[in-house]
Amino acid sequence: MKYKILMIAMAALTLWGCSSSDDEGNEGGGAATFQTSSRPNWMVDMFDNQEAPQWTSPDPAMYENKMIVLMRLQNELVPYSTDDDQLAVFVGDECRAFSRRSGTDQEVYFVINVHGNNTNVSELFTMKYYSGGLHQVFTVSGMERFLNEVNVGLDREFAPMLTNGSTKYPVKTKVTLNPTNPDKMESMVSENDRVAVFVGDECRGVGKLGEAFTVFSFSNEEKGQLRYYNQKQEGIFTVIQPIALKGEDITCAIQL
């Protein structure tokens, strides 16, 4: 896996960058600007215009086994959940499970019976979630043996990161901003600090210092601008040099 390293020196407002030999778009150095600001309300626009899918429940008589799955909807998607939400599991083009939502306004759950036959062979499955509020399908995939009467999500919570499977944004890039001097974290960083990546004026990813977060893009040709809001300095640092959003992991470093 390829990593890029960027460094921002907040005191000098200078950015140094270095990359692997085949890295295009994250090379060289540049500057970071500072602007006083109150706490920004950065968020990614996940609204789309996809029509509700016509998924239907499979015929249980066609299968020998049934696996029960309790899925809790990712917290970030709960505010947009409506009665039009749908969840389905597919193996290839074949629907193996279908469910509507249940739960409360604070926690949304889906209970699904995933049907299958051969318990000795793992099959590639795709879980698809349609958000009625966002009008978008989110997908996650994996390998699973559909074992009869096995329960998933009861003993251990099952809440997949569905936003990472956004179909609106095909390319996802993991970005992490780490401090080079973590000993100053307590004195320089607050809980309200935020890191974000913008494409133009559009926020494409939001996270916290020291934690990886997802940046969304329409193609691997897009470039983003890194911004860091520091509450104690009451402002936003904006890196002038763009970063290439190619779906590769990017690790950045900031000197506090």
C-alpha atoms as a PDB file:
ATOM      1  CA  MET A   1       0.000   0.000   0.000  1.00  0.00           C
ATOM      2  CA  LYS A   2       1.320   3.460  -0.911  1.00  0.00           C
ATOM      3  CA  TYR A   3       1.526   6.300   1.590  1.00  0.00           C
ATOM      4  CA  LYS A   4       2.271   9.978   1.103  1.00  0.00           C
ATOM      5  CA  ILE A   5       3.726  12.161   3.814  1.00  0.00           C
ATOM      6  CA  LEU A   6       2.935  15.861   4.099  1.00  0.00           C
ATOM      7  CA  MET A   7       4.047  18.179   6.851  1.00  0.00           C
ATOM      8  CA  ILE A   8       2.519  21.467   7.904  1.00  0.00           C
ATOM      9  CA  ALA A   9       4.440  23.765  10.212  1.00  0.00           C
ATOM     10  CA  MET A  10       1.758  25.901  11.803  1.00  0.00           C
ATOM     11  CA  ALA A  11       4.168  28.442  13.270  1.00  0.00           C
ATOM     12  CA  ALA A  12       5.915  29.184   9.983  1.00  0.00           C
ATOM     13  CA  LEU A  13       2.855  28.423   7.855  1.00  0.00           C
ATOM     14  CA  THR A  14       4.997  26.292   5.525  1.00  0.00           C
ATOM     15  CA  LEU A  15       4.172  22.938   3.980  1.00  0.00           C
ATOM     16  CA  TRP A  16       6.796  20.357   3.054  1.00  0.00           C
ATOM     17  CA  GLY A  17       5.843  17.352   0.971  1.00  0.00           C
ATOM     18  CA  CYS A  18       7.571  14.151  -0.035  1.00  0.00           C
ATOM     19  CA  SER A  19       6.253  11.124  -1.852  1.00  0.00           C
ATOM     20  CA  SER A  20       7.116   7.852  -3.520  1.00  0.00           C
ATOM     21  CA  SER A  21       8.756   7.938  -6.935  1.00  0.00           C
ATOM     22  CA  ASP A  22       5.525   7.218  -8.790  1.00  0.00           C
ATOM     23  CA  ASP A  23       3.418   9.698  -6.812  1.00  0.00           C
ATOM     24  CA  GLU A  24       1.940  12.308  -9.118  1.00  0.00           C
ATOM     25  CA  GLY A  25       0.153  15.264  -7.601  1.00  0.00           C
ATOM     26  CA  ASN A  26       1.437  15.175  -4.017  1.00  0.00           C
ATOM     27  CA  GLU A  27       5.017  16.271  -4.665  1.00  0.00           C
ATOM     28  CA  GLY A  28       7.032  19.332  -3.700  1.00  0.00           C
ATOM     29  CA  GLY A  29       6.271  22.013  -1.114  1.00  0.00           C
ATOM     30  CA  GLY A  30       3.992  24.969  -0.681  1.00  0.00           C
ATOM     31  CA  ALA A  31       2.371  27.230   1.885  1.00  0.00           C
ATOM     32  CA  ALA A  32      -0.521  27.093   4.302  1.00  0.00           C
ATOM     33  CA  THR A  33      -2.654  30.143   4.981  1.00  0.00           C
ATOM     34  CA  PHE A  34      -4.484  31.017   8.199  1.00  0.00           C
ATOM     35  CA  GLN A  35      -7.836  32.708   8.653  1.00  0.00           C
ATOM     36  CA  THR A  36      -9.643  33.402  11.917  1.00  0.00           C
ATOM     37  CA  SER A  37     -12.915  31.521  12.108  1.00  0.00           C
ATOM     38  CA  SER A  38     -15.536  30.189  14.467  1.00  0.00           C
ATOM     39  CA  ARG A  39     -16.102  26.450  14.516  1.00  0.00           C
ATOM     40  CA  PRO A  40     -17.081  25.378  10.970  1.00  0.00           C
ATOM     41  CA  ASN A  41     -19.953  23.004  10.281  1.00  0.00           C
ATOM     42  CA  TRP A  42     -18.174  20.910   7.670  1.00  0.00           C
ATOM     43  CA  MET A  43     -20.100  17.977   6.215  1.00  0.00           C
ATOM     44  CA  VAL A  44     -20.131  15.912   3.020  1.00  0.00           C
ATOM     45  CA  ASP A  45     -23.119  16.271   0.703  1.00  0.00           C
ATOM     46  CA  MET A  46     -24.434  12.710   0.448  1.00  0.00           C
ATOM     47  CA  PHE A  47     -27.749  13.627  -1.173  1.00  0.00           C
ATOM     48  CA  ASP A  48     -28.356  11.991  -4.553  1.00  0.00           C
ATOM     49  CA  ASN A  49     -31.300  11.402  -6.896  1.00  0.00           C
ATOM     50  CA  GLN A  50     -31.346   7.610  -7.233  1.00  0.00           C
ATOM     51  CA  GLU A  51     -34.775   6.040  -7.479  1.00  0.00           C
ATOM     52  CA  ALA A  52     -35.850   3.529  -4.835  1.00  0.00           C
ATOM     53  CA  PRO A  53     -34.814   0.011  -5.962  1.00  0.00           C
ATOM     54  CA  GLN A  54     -37.375  -2.718  -6.568  1.00  0.00           C
ATOM     55  CA  TRP A  55     -35.746  -5.371  -4.382  1.00  0.00           C
ATOM     56  CA  THR A  56     -37.921  -8.315  -3.327  1.00  0.00           C
ATOM     57  CA  SER A  57     -37.567 -11.085  -0.765  1.00  0.00           C
ATOM     58  CA  PRO A  58     -36.226 -14.428  -2.023  1.00  0.00           C
ATOM     59  CA  ASP A  59     -38.249 -17.644  -1.953  1.00  0.00           C
ATOM     60  CA  PRO A  60     -37.051 -19.556   1.173  1.00  0.00           C
ATOM     61  CA  ALA A  61     -38.081 -22.877  -0.412  1.00  0.00           C
ATOM     62  CA  MET A  62     -35.207 -22.539  -2.895  1.00  0.00           C
ATOM     63  CA  TYR A  63     -32.546 -22.715  -0.175  1.00  0.00           C
ATOM     64  CA  GLU A  64     -31.438 -25.192   2.469  1.00  0.00           C
ATOM     65  CA  ASN A  65     -29.932 -22.778   5.002  1.00  0.00           C
ATOM     66  CA  LYS A  66     -30.764 -19.461   6.631  1.00  0.00           C
ATOM     67  CA  MET A  67     -28.401 -17.108   8.455  1.00  0.00           C
ATOM     68  CA  ILE A  68     -29.947 -14.428  10.690  1.00  0.00           C
ATOM     69  CA  VAL A  69     -28.282 -11.002  10.672  1.00  0.00           C
ATOM     70  CA  LEU A  70     -29.067  -8.026  12.916  1.00  0.00           C
ATOM     71  CA  MET A  71     -27.514  -4.900  11.432  1.00  0.00           C
ATOM     72  CA  ARG A  72     -27.412  -1.538  13.190  1.00  0.00           C
ATOM     73  CA  LEU A  73     -27.413   1.393  10.810  1.00  0.00           C
ATOM     74  CA  GLN A  74     -24.247   3.512  10.873  1.00  0.00           C
ATOM     75  CA  ASN A  75     -24.735   6.570  13.114  1.00  0.00           C
ATOM     76  CA  GLU A  76     -23.938   9.045  10.337  1.00  0.00           C
ATOM     77  CA  LEU A  77     -26.848   7.702   8.251  1.00  0.00           C
ATOM     78  CA  VAL A  78     -29.490   7.553  10.994  1.00  0.00           C
ATOM     79  CA  PRO A  79     -30.653  11.210  10.634  1.00  0.00           C
ATOM     80  CA  TYR A  80     -31.560  10.508   6.996  1.00  0.00           C
ATOM     81  CA  SER A  81     -33.360   7.216   7.608  1.00  0.00           C
ATOM     82  CA  THR A  82     -37.022   7.047   6.533  1.00  0.00           C
ATOM     83  CA  ASP A  83     -39.681   4.403   6.064  1.00  0.00           C
ATOM     84  CA  ASP A  84     -38.476   4.119   2.466  1.00  0.00           C
ATOM     85  CA  ASP A  85     -35.167   2.579   3.622  1.00  0.00           C
ATOM     86  CA  GLN A  86     -34.354  -0.865   2.222  1.00  0.00           C
ATOM     87  CA  LEU A  87     -31.642  -3.428   2.900  1.00  0.00           C
ATOM     88  CA  ALA A  88     -30.821  -6.417   0.703  1.00  0.00           C
ATOM     89  CA  VAL A  89     -28.053  -9.004   0.357  1.00  0.00           C
ATOM     90  CA  PHE A  90     -27.010 -10.267  -3.063  1.00  0.00           C
ATOM     91  CA  VAL A  91     -24.847 -13.104  -4.347  1.00  0.00           C
ATOM     92  CA  GLY A  92     -24.170 -12.041  -7.894  1.00  0.00           C
ATOM     93  CA  ASP A  93     -27.510 -10.783  -9.229  1.00  0.00           C
ATOM     94  CA  GLU A  94     -29.498 -13.069  -6.939  1.00  0.00           C
ATOM     95  CA  CYS A  95     -31.214 -11.459  -3.960  1.00  0.00           C
ATOM     96  CA  ARG A  96     -30.692 -13.626  -0.862  1.00  0.00           C
ATOM     97  CA  ALA A  97     -32.280 -11.328   1.767  1.00  0.00           C
ATOM     98  CA  PHE A  98     -34.513  -8.279   2.019  1.00  0.00           C
ATOM     99  CA  SER A  99     -35.690  -6.149   4.939  1.00  0.00           C
ATOM    100  CA  ARG A 100     -37.239  -2.862   5.969  1.00  0.00           C
ATOM    101  CA  ARG A 101     -36.041  -0.830   8.929  1.00  0.00           C
ATOM    102  CA  SER A 102     -37.051  -1.052  12.582  1.00  0.00           C
ATOM    103  CA  GLY A 103     -35.945   0.715  15.756  1.00  0.00           C
ATOM    104  CA  THR A 104     -36.184   4.344  16.872  1.00  0.00           C
ATOM    105  CA  ASP A 105     -35.168   7.792  15.665  1.00  0.00           C
ATOM    106  CA  GLN A 106     -31.874   7.354  17.546  1.00  0.00           C
ATOM    107  CA  GLU A 107     -31.057   3.768  16.533  1.00  0.00           C
ATOM    108  CA  VAL A 108     -32.155   2.027  13.341  1.00  0.00           C
ATOM    109  CA  TYR A 109     -31.893  -1.738  12.856  1.00  0.00           C
ATOM    110  CA  PHE A 110     -32.474  -4.241  10.081  1.00  0.00           C
ATOM    111  CA  VAL A 111     -33.224  -7.917  10.742  1.00  0.00           C
ATOM    112  CA  ILE A 112     -32.539 -10.059   7.685  1.00  0.00           C
ATOM    113  CA  ASN A 113     -32.665 -13.764   6.901  1.00  0.00           C
ATOM    114  CA  VAL A 114     -29.842 -14.492   4.467  1.00  0.00           C
ATOM    115  CA  HIS A 115     -30.549 -17.668   2.479  1.00  0.00           C
ATOM    116  CA  GLY A 116     -27.963 -20.023   0.995  1.00  0.00           C
ATOM    117  CA  ASN A 117     -27.183 -23.649   0.221  1.00  0.00           C
ATOM    118  CA  ASN A 118     -23.551 -24.790   0.275  1.00  0.00           C
ATOM    119  CA  THR A 119     -22.146 -24.165   3.762  1.00  0.00           C
ATOM    120  CA  ASN A 120     -18.651 -25.419   2.872  1.00  0.00           C
ATOM    121  CA  VAL A 121     -17.861 -22.789   0.266  1.00  0.00           C
ATOM    122  CA  SER A 122     -17.532 -19.064   0.964  1.00  0.00           C
ATOM    123  CA  GLU A 123     -19.473 -16.914  -1.469  1.00  0.00           C
ATOM    124  CA  LEU A 124     -18.898 -13.296  -2.448  1.00  0.00           C
ATOM    125  CA  PHE A 125     -21.860 -11.297  -1.215  1.00  0.00           C
ATOM    126  CA  THR A 126     -22.879  -7.652  -1.545  1.00  0.00           C
ATOM    127  CA  MET A 127     -25.001  -5.900   1.065  1.00  0.00           C
ATOM    128  CA  LYS A 128     -26.925  -2.977  -0.380  1.00  0.00           C
ATOM    129  CA  TYR A 129     -28.604  -0.262   1.673  1.00  0.00           C
ATOM    130  CA  TYR A 130     -30.929   2.321   0.132  1.00  0.00           C
ATOM    131  CA  SER A 131     -31.345   5.503   2.177  1.00  0.00           C
ATOM    132  CA  GLY A 132     -34.813   6.949   1.737  1.00  0.00           C
ATOM    133  CA  GLY A 133     -33.661  10.362   2.930  1.00  0.00           C
ATOM    134  CA  LEU A 134     -30.475  10.576   0.861  1.00  0.00           C
ATOM    135  CA  HIS A 135     -31.899   8.782  -2.211  1.00  0.00           C
ATOM    136  CA  GLN A 136     -28.684   6.814  -2.556  1.00  0.00           C
ATOM    137  CA  VAL A 137     -27.555   3.184  -2.468  1.00  0.00           C
ATOM    138  CA  PHE A 138     -24.587   2.246  -0.273  1.00  0.00           C
ATOM    139  CA  THR A 139     -22.830  -1.109  -0.690  1.00  0.00           C
ATOM    140  CA  VAL A 140     -20.400  -3.308   1.221  1.00  0.00           C
ATOM    141  CA  SER A 141     -19.000  -6.630   0.021  1.00  0.00           C
ATOM    142  CA  GLY A 142     -17.313  -9.625   1.586  1.00  0.00           C
ATOM    143  CA  MET A 143     -16.930 -13.389   1.641  1.00  0.00           C
ATOM    144  CA  GLU A 144     -19.165 -15.574   3.795  1.00  0.00           C
ATOM    145  CA  ARG A 145     -20.260 -19.161   4.312  1.00  0.00           C
ATOM    146  CA  PHE A 146     -24.010 -19.105   4.806  1.00  0.00           C
ATOM    147  CA  LEU A 147     -24.201 -21.387   7.835  1.00  0.00           C
ATOM    148  CA  ASN A 148     -27.628 -22.558   8.900  1.00  0.00           C
ATOM    149  CA  GLU A 149     -29.116 -20.884  12.013  1.00  0.00           C
ATOM    150  CA  VAL A 150     -25.979 -18.836  12.708  1.00  0.00           C
ATOM    151  CA  ASN A 151     -26.745 -15.415  14.206  1.00  0.00           C
ATOM    152  CA  VAL A 152     -24.732 -12.298  13.293  1.00  0.00           C
ATOM    153  CA  GLY A 153     -25.071  -9.068  15.237  1.00  0.00           C
ATOM    154  CA  LEU A 154     -26.557 -10.500  18.431  1.00  0.00           C
ATOM    155  CA  ASP A 155     -23.521 -11.363  20.549  1.00  0.00           C
ATOM    156  CA  ARG A 156     -21.384  -8.694  18.867  1.00  0.00           C
ATOM    157  CA  GLU A 157     -22.752  -5.538  17.276  1.00  0.00           C
ATOM    158  CA  PHE A 158     -22.740  -5.484  13.484  1.00  0.00           C
ATOM    159  CA  ALA A 159     -22.724  -1.920  12.117  1.00  0.00           C
ATOM    160  CA  PRO A 160     -20.769  -1.753   8.841  1.00  0.00           C
ATOM    161  CA  MET A 161     -19.362   1.555   7.556  1.00  0.00           C
ATOM    162  CA  LEU A 162     -21.853   1.890   4.737  1.00  0.00           C
ATOM    163  CA  THR A 163     -20.772   5.419   3.812  1.00  0.00           C
ATOM    164  CA  ASN A 164     -17.490   3.924   2.557  1.00  0.00           C
ATOM    165  CA  GLY A 165     -19.613   2.194  -0.076  1.00  0.00           C
ATOM    166  CA  SER A 166     -21.251   5.341  -1.413  1.00  0.00           C
ATOM    167  CA  THR A 167     -22.321   4.853  -5.028  1.00  0.00           C
ATOM    168  CA  LYS A 168     -22.473   8.634  -5.565  1.00  0.00           C
ATOM    169  CA  TYR A 169     -18.708   8.882  -5.033  1.00  0.00           C
ATOM    170  CA  PRO A 170     -16.915   5.918  -6.675  1.00  0.00           C
ATOM    171  CA  VAL A 171     -13.438   6.832  -5.368  1.00  0.00           C
ATOM    172  CA  LYS A 172     -12.621   6.804  -1.644  1.00  0.00           C
ATOM    173  CA  THR A 173      -9.290   8.003  -0.260  1.00  0.00           C
ATOM    174  CA  LYS A 174      -8.219   7.470   3.356  1.00  0.00           C
ATOM    175  CA  VAL A 175      -6.555  10.548   4.863  1.00  0.00           C
ATOM    176  CA  THR A 176      -4.881  10.786   8.274  1.00  0.00           C
ATOM    177  CA  LEU A 177      -3.440  13.949   9.820  1.00  0.00           C
ATOM    178  CA  ASN A 178      -1.014  13.147  12.640  1.00  0.00           C
ATOM    179  CA  PRO A 179       0.893  15.562  14.903  1.00  0.00           C
ATOM    180  CA  THR A 180       4.685  15.312  14.720  1.00  0.00           C
ATOM    181  CA  ASN A 181       4.861  16.276  18.401  1.00  0.00           C
ATOM    182  CA  PRO A 182       2.009  14.388  20.103  1.00  0.00           C
ATOM    183  CA  ASP A 183       3.230  15.567  23.510  1.00  0.00           C
ATOM    184  CA  LYS A 184       1.601  18.931  22.711  1.00  0.00           C
ATOM    185  CA  MET A 185      -1.775  17.409  21.846  1.00  0.00           C
ATOM    186  CA  GLU A 186      -3.276  18.171  25.261  1.00  0.00           C
ATOM    187  CA  SER A 187      -2.247  21.821  25.278  1.00  0.00           C
ATOM    188  CA  MET A 188      -2.819  22.631  21.591  1.00  0.00           C
ATOM    189  CA  VAL A 189      -5.729  20.436  20.482  1.00  0.00           C
ATOM    190  CA  SER A 190      -9.362  20.416  21.588  1.00  0.00           C
ATOM    191  CA  GLU A 191     -12.271  18.037  21.036  1.00  0.00           C
ATOM    192  CA  ASN A 192     -13.829  20.463  18.546  1.00  0.00           C
ATOM    193  CA  ASP A 193     -10.814  20.529  16.217  1.00  0.00           C
ATOM    194  CA  ARG A 194     -11.593  19.197  12.751  1.00  0.00           C
ATOM    195  CA  VAL A 195      -9.703  18.154   9.635  1.00  0.00           C
ATOM    196  CA  ALA A 196     -11.376  18.349   6.227  1.00  0.00           C
ATOM    197  CA  VAL A 197     -10.619  17.975   2.541  1.00  0.00           C
ATOM    198  CA  PHE A 198     -12.350  20.211   0.014  1.00  0.00           C
ATOM    199  CA  VAL A 199     -12.710  20.022  -3.760  1.00  0.00           C
ATOM    200  CA  GLY A 200     -13.361  23.610  -4.691  1.00  0.00           C
ATOM    201  CA  ASP A 201     -15.929  24.855  -2.196  1.00  0.00           C
ATOM    202  CA  GLU A 202     -17.373  21.370  -1.622  1.00  0.00           C
ATOM    203  CA  CYS A 203     -16.462  19.400   1.492  1.00  0.00           C
ATOM    204  CA  ARG A 204     -15.566  15.828   0.594  1.00  0.00           C
ATOM    205  CA  GLY A 205     -14.390  14.431   3.944  1.00  0.00           C
ATOM    206  CA  VAL A 206     -14.296  15.370   7.632  1.00  0.00           C
ATOM    207  CA  GLY A 207     -12.340  13.814  10.485  1.00  0.00           C
ATOM    208  CA  LYS A 208     -10.337  14.386  13.625  1.00  0.00           C
ATOM    209  CA  LEU A 209      -6.625  14.863  14.210  1.00  0.00           C
ATOM    210  CA  GLY A 210      -4.849  11.511  14.470  1.00  0.00           C
ATOM    211  CA  GLU A 211      -7.749   9.477  13.044  1.00  0.00           C
ATOM    212  CA  ALA A 212      -8.156   8.178   9.493  1.00  0.00           C
ATOM    213  CA  PHE A 213     -11.198   9.474   7.655  1.00  0.00           C
ATOM    214  CA  THR A 214     -12.666   8.920   4.204  1.00  0.00           C
ATOM    215  CA  VAL A 215     -12.494  11.505   1.442  1.00  0.00           C
ATOM    216  CA  PHE A 216     -14.981  11.033  -1.394  1.00  0.00           C
ATOM    217  CA  SER A 217     -14.437  11.915  -5.045  1.00  0.00           C
ATOM    218  CA  PHE A 218     -16.120  11.357  -8.390  1.00  0.00           C
ATOM    219  CA  SER A 219     -12.913  10.207 -10.121  1.00  0.00           C
ATOM    220  CA  ASN A 220      -9.225   9.656  -9.420  1.00  0.00           C
ATOM    221  CA  GLU A 221      -8.475  12.813 -11.403  1.00  0.00           C
ATOM    222  CA  GLU A 222      -9.830  15.113  -8.693  1.00  0.00           C
ATOM    223  CA  LYS A 223      -7.570  16.990  -6.288  1.00  0.00           C
ATOM    224  CA  GLY A 224      -8.443  18.162  -2.808  1.00  0.00           C
ATOM    225  CA  GLN A 225      -7.365  20.910  -0.446  1.00  0.00           C
ATOM    226  CA  LEU A 226      -6.549  20.056   3.164  1.00  0.00           C
ATOM    227  CA  ARG A 227      -7.978  22.278   5.918  1.00  0.00           C
ATOM    228  CA  TYR A 228      -7.458  22.100   9.662  1.00  0.00           C
ATOM    229  CA  TYR A 229      -9.596  23.986  12.166  1.00  0.00           C
ATOM    230  CA  ASN A 230      -7.882  24.595  15.497  1.00  0.00           C
ATOM    231  CA  GLN A 231     -10.253  25.905  18.153  1.00  0.00           C
ATOM    232  CA  LYS A 232      -7.552  27.178  20.513  1.00  0.00           C
ATOM    233  CA  GLN A 233      -6.008  29.266  17.734  1.00  0.00           C
ATOM    234  CA  GLU A 234      -9.522  30.249  16.617  1.00  0.00           C
ATOM    235  CA  GLY A 235      -8.966  29.711  12.952  1.00  0.00           C
ATOM    236  CA  ILE A 236      -8.511  27.496   9.906  1.00  0.00           C
ATOM    237  CA  PHE A 237      -5.203  26.502   8.315  1.00  0.00           C
ATOM    238  CA  THR A 238      -5.583  25.864   4.584  1.00  0.00           C
ATOM    239  CA  VAL A 239      -2.881  24.053   2.639  1.00  0.00           C
ATOM    240  CA  ILE A 240      -2.430  25.666  -0.759  1.00  0.00           C
ATOM    241  CA  GLN A 241      -0.837  22.632  -2.434  1.00  0.00           C
ATOM    242  CA  PRO A 242      -3.564  20.142  -3.441  1.00  0.00           C
ATOM    243  CA  ILE A 243      -3.503  16.430  -2.736  1.00  0.00           C
ATOM    244  CA  ALA A 244      -4.421  13.859  -5.387  1.00  0.00           C
ATOM    245  CA  LEU A 245      -7.525  11.832  -4.514  1.00  0.00           C
ATOM    246  CA  LYS A 246      -6.671   8.545  -6.213  1.00  0.00           C
ATOM    247  CA  GLY A 247      -8.044   6.065  -3.693  1.00  0.00           C
ATOM    248  CA  GLU A 248      -4.626   5.551  -2.077  1.00  0.00           C
ATOM    249  CA  ASP A 249      -3.949   6.147   1.625  1.00  0.00           C
ATOM    250  CA  ILE A 250      -2.507   9.578   2.433  1.00  0.00           C
ATOM    251  CA  THR A 251      -0.773  10.234   5.754  1.00  0.00           C
ATOM    252  CA  CYS A 252      -0.163  13.866   6.686  1.00  0.00           C
ATOM    253  CA  ALA A 253       1.846  15.308   9.574  1.00  0.00           C
ATOM    254  CA  ILE A 254       1.332  18.623  11.329  1.00  0.00           C
ATOM    255  CA  GLN A 255       3.716  20.349  13.731  1.00  0.00           C
ATOM    256  CA  LEU A 256       1.768  21.773  16.670  1.00  0.00           C
END
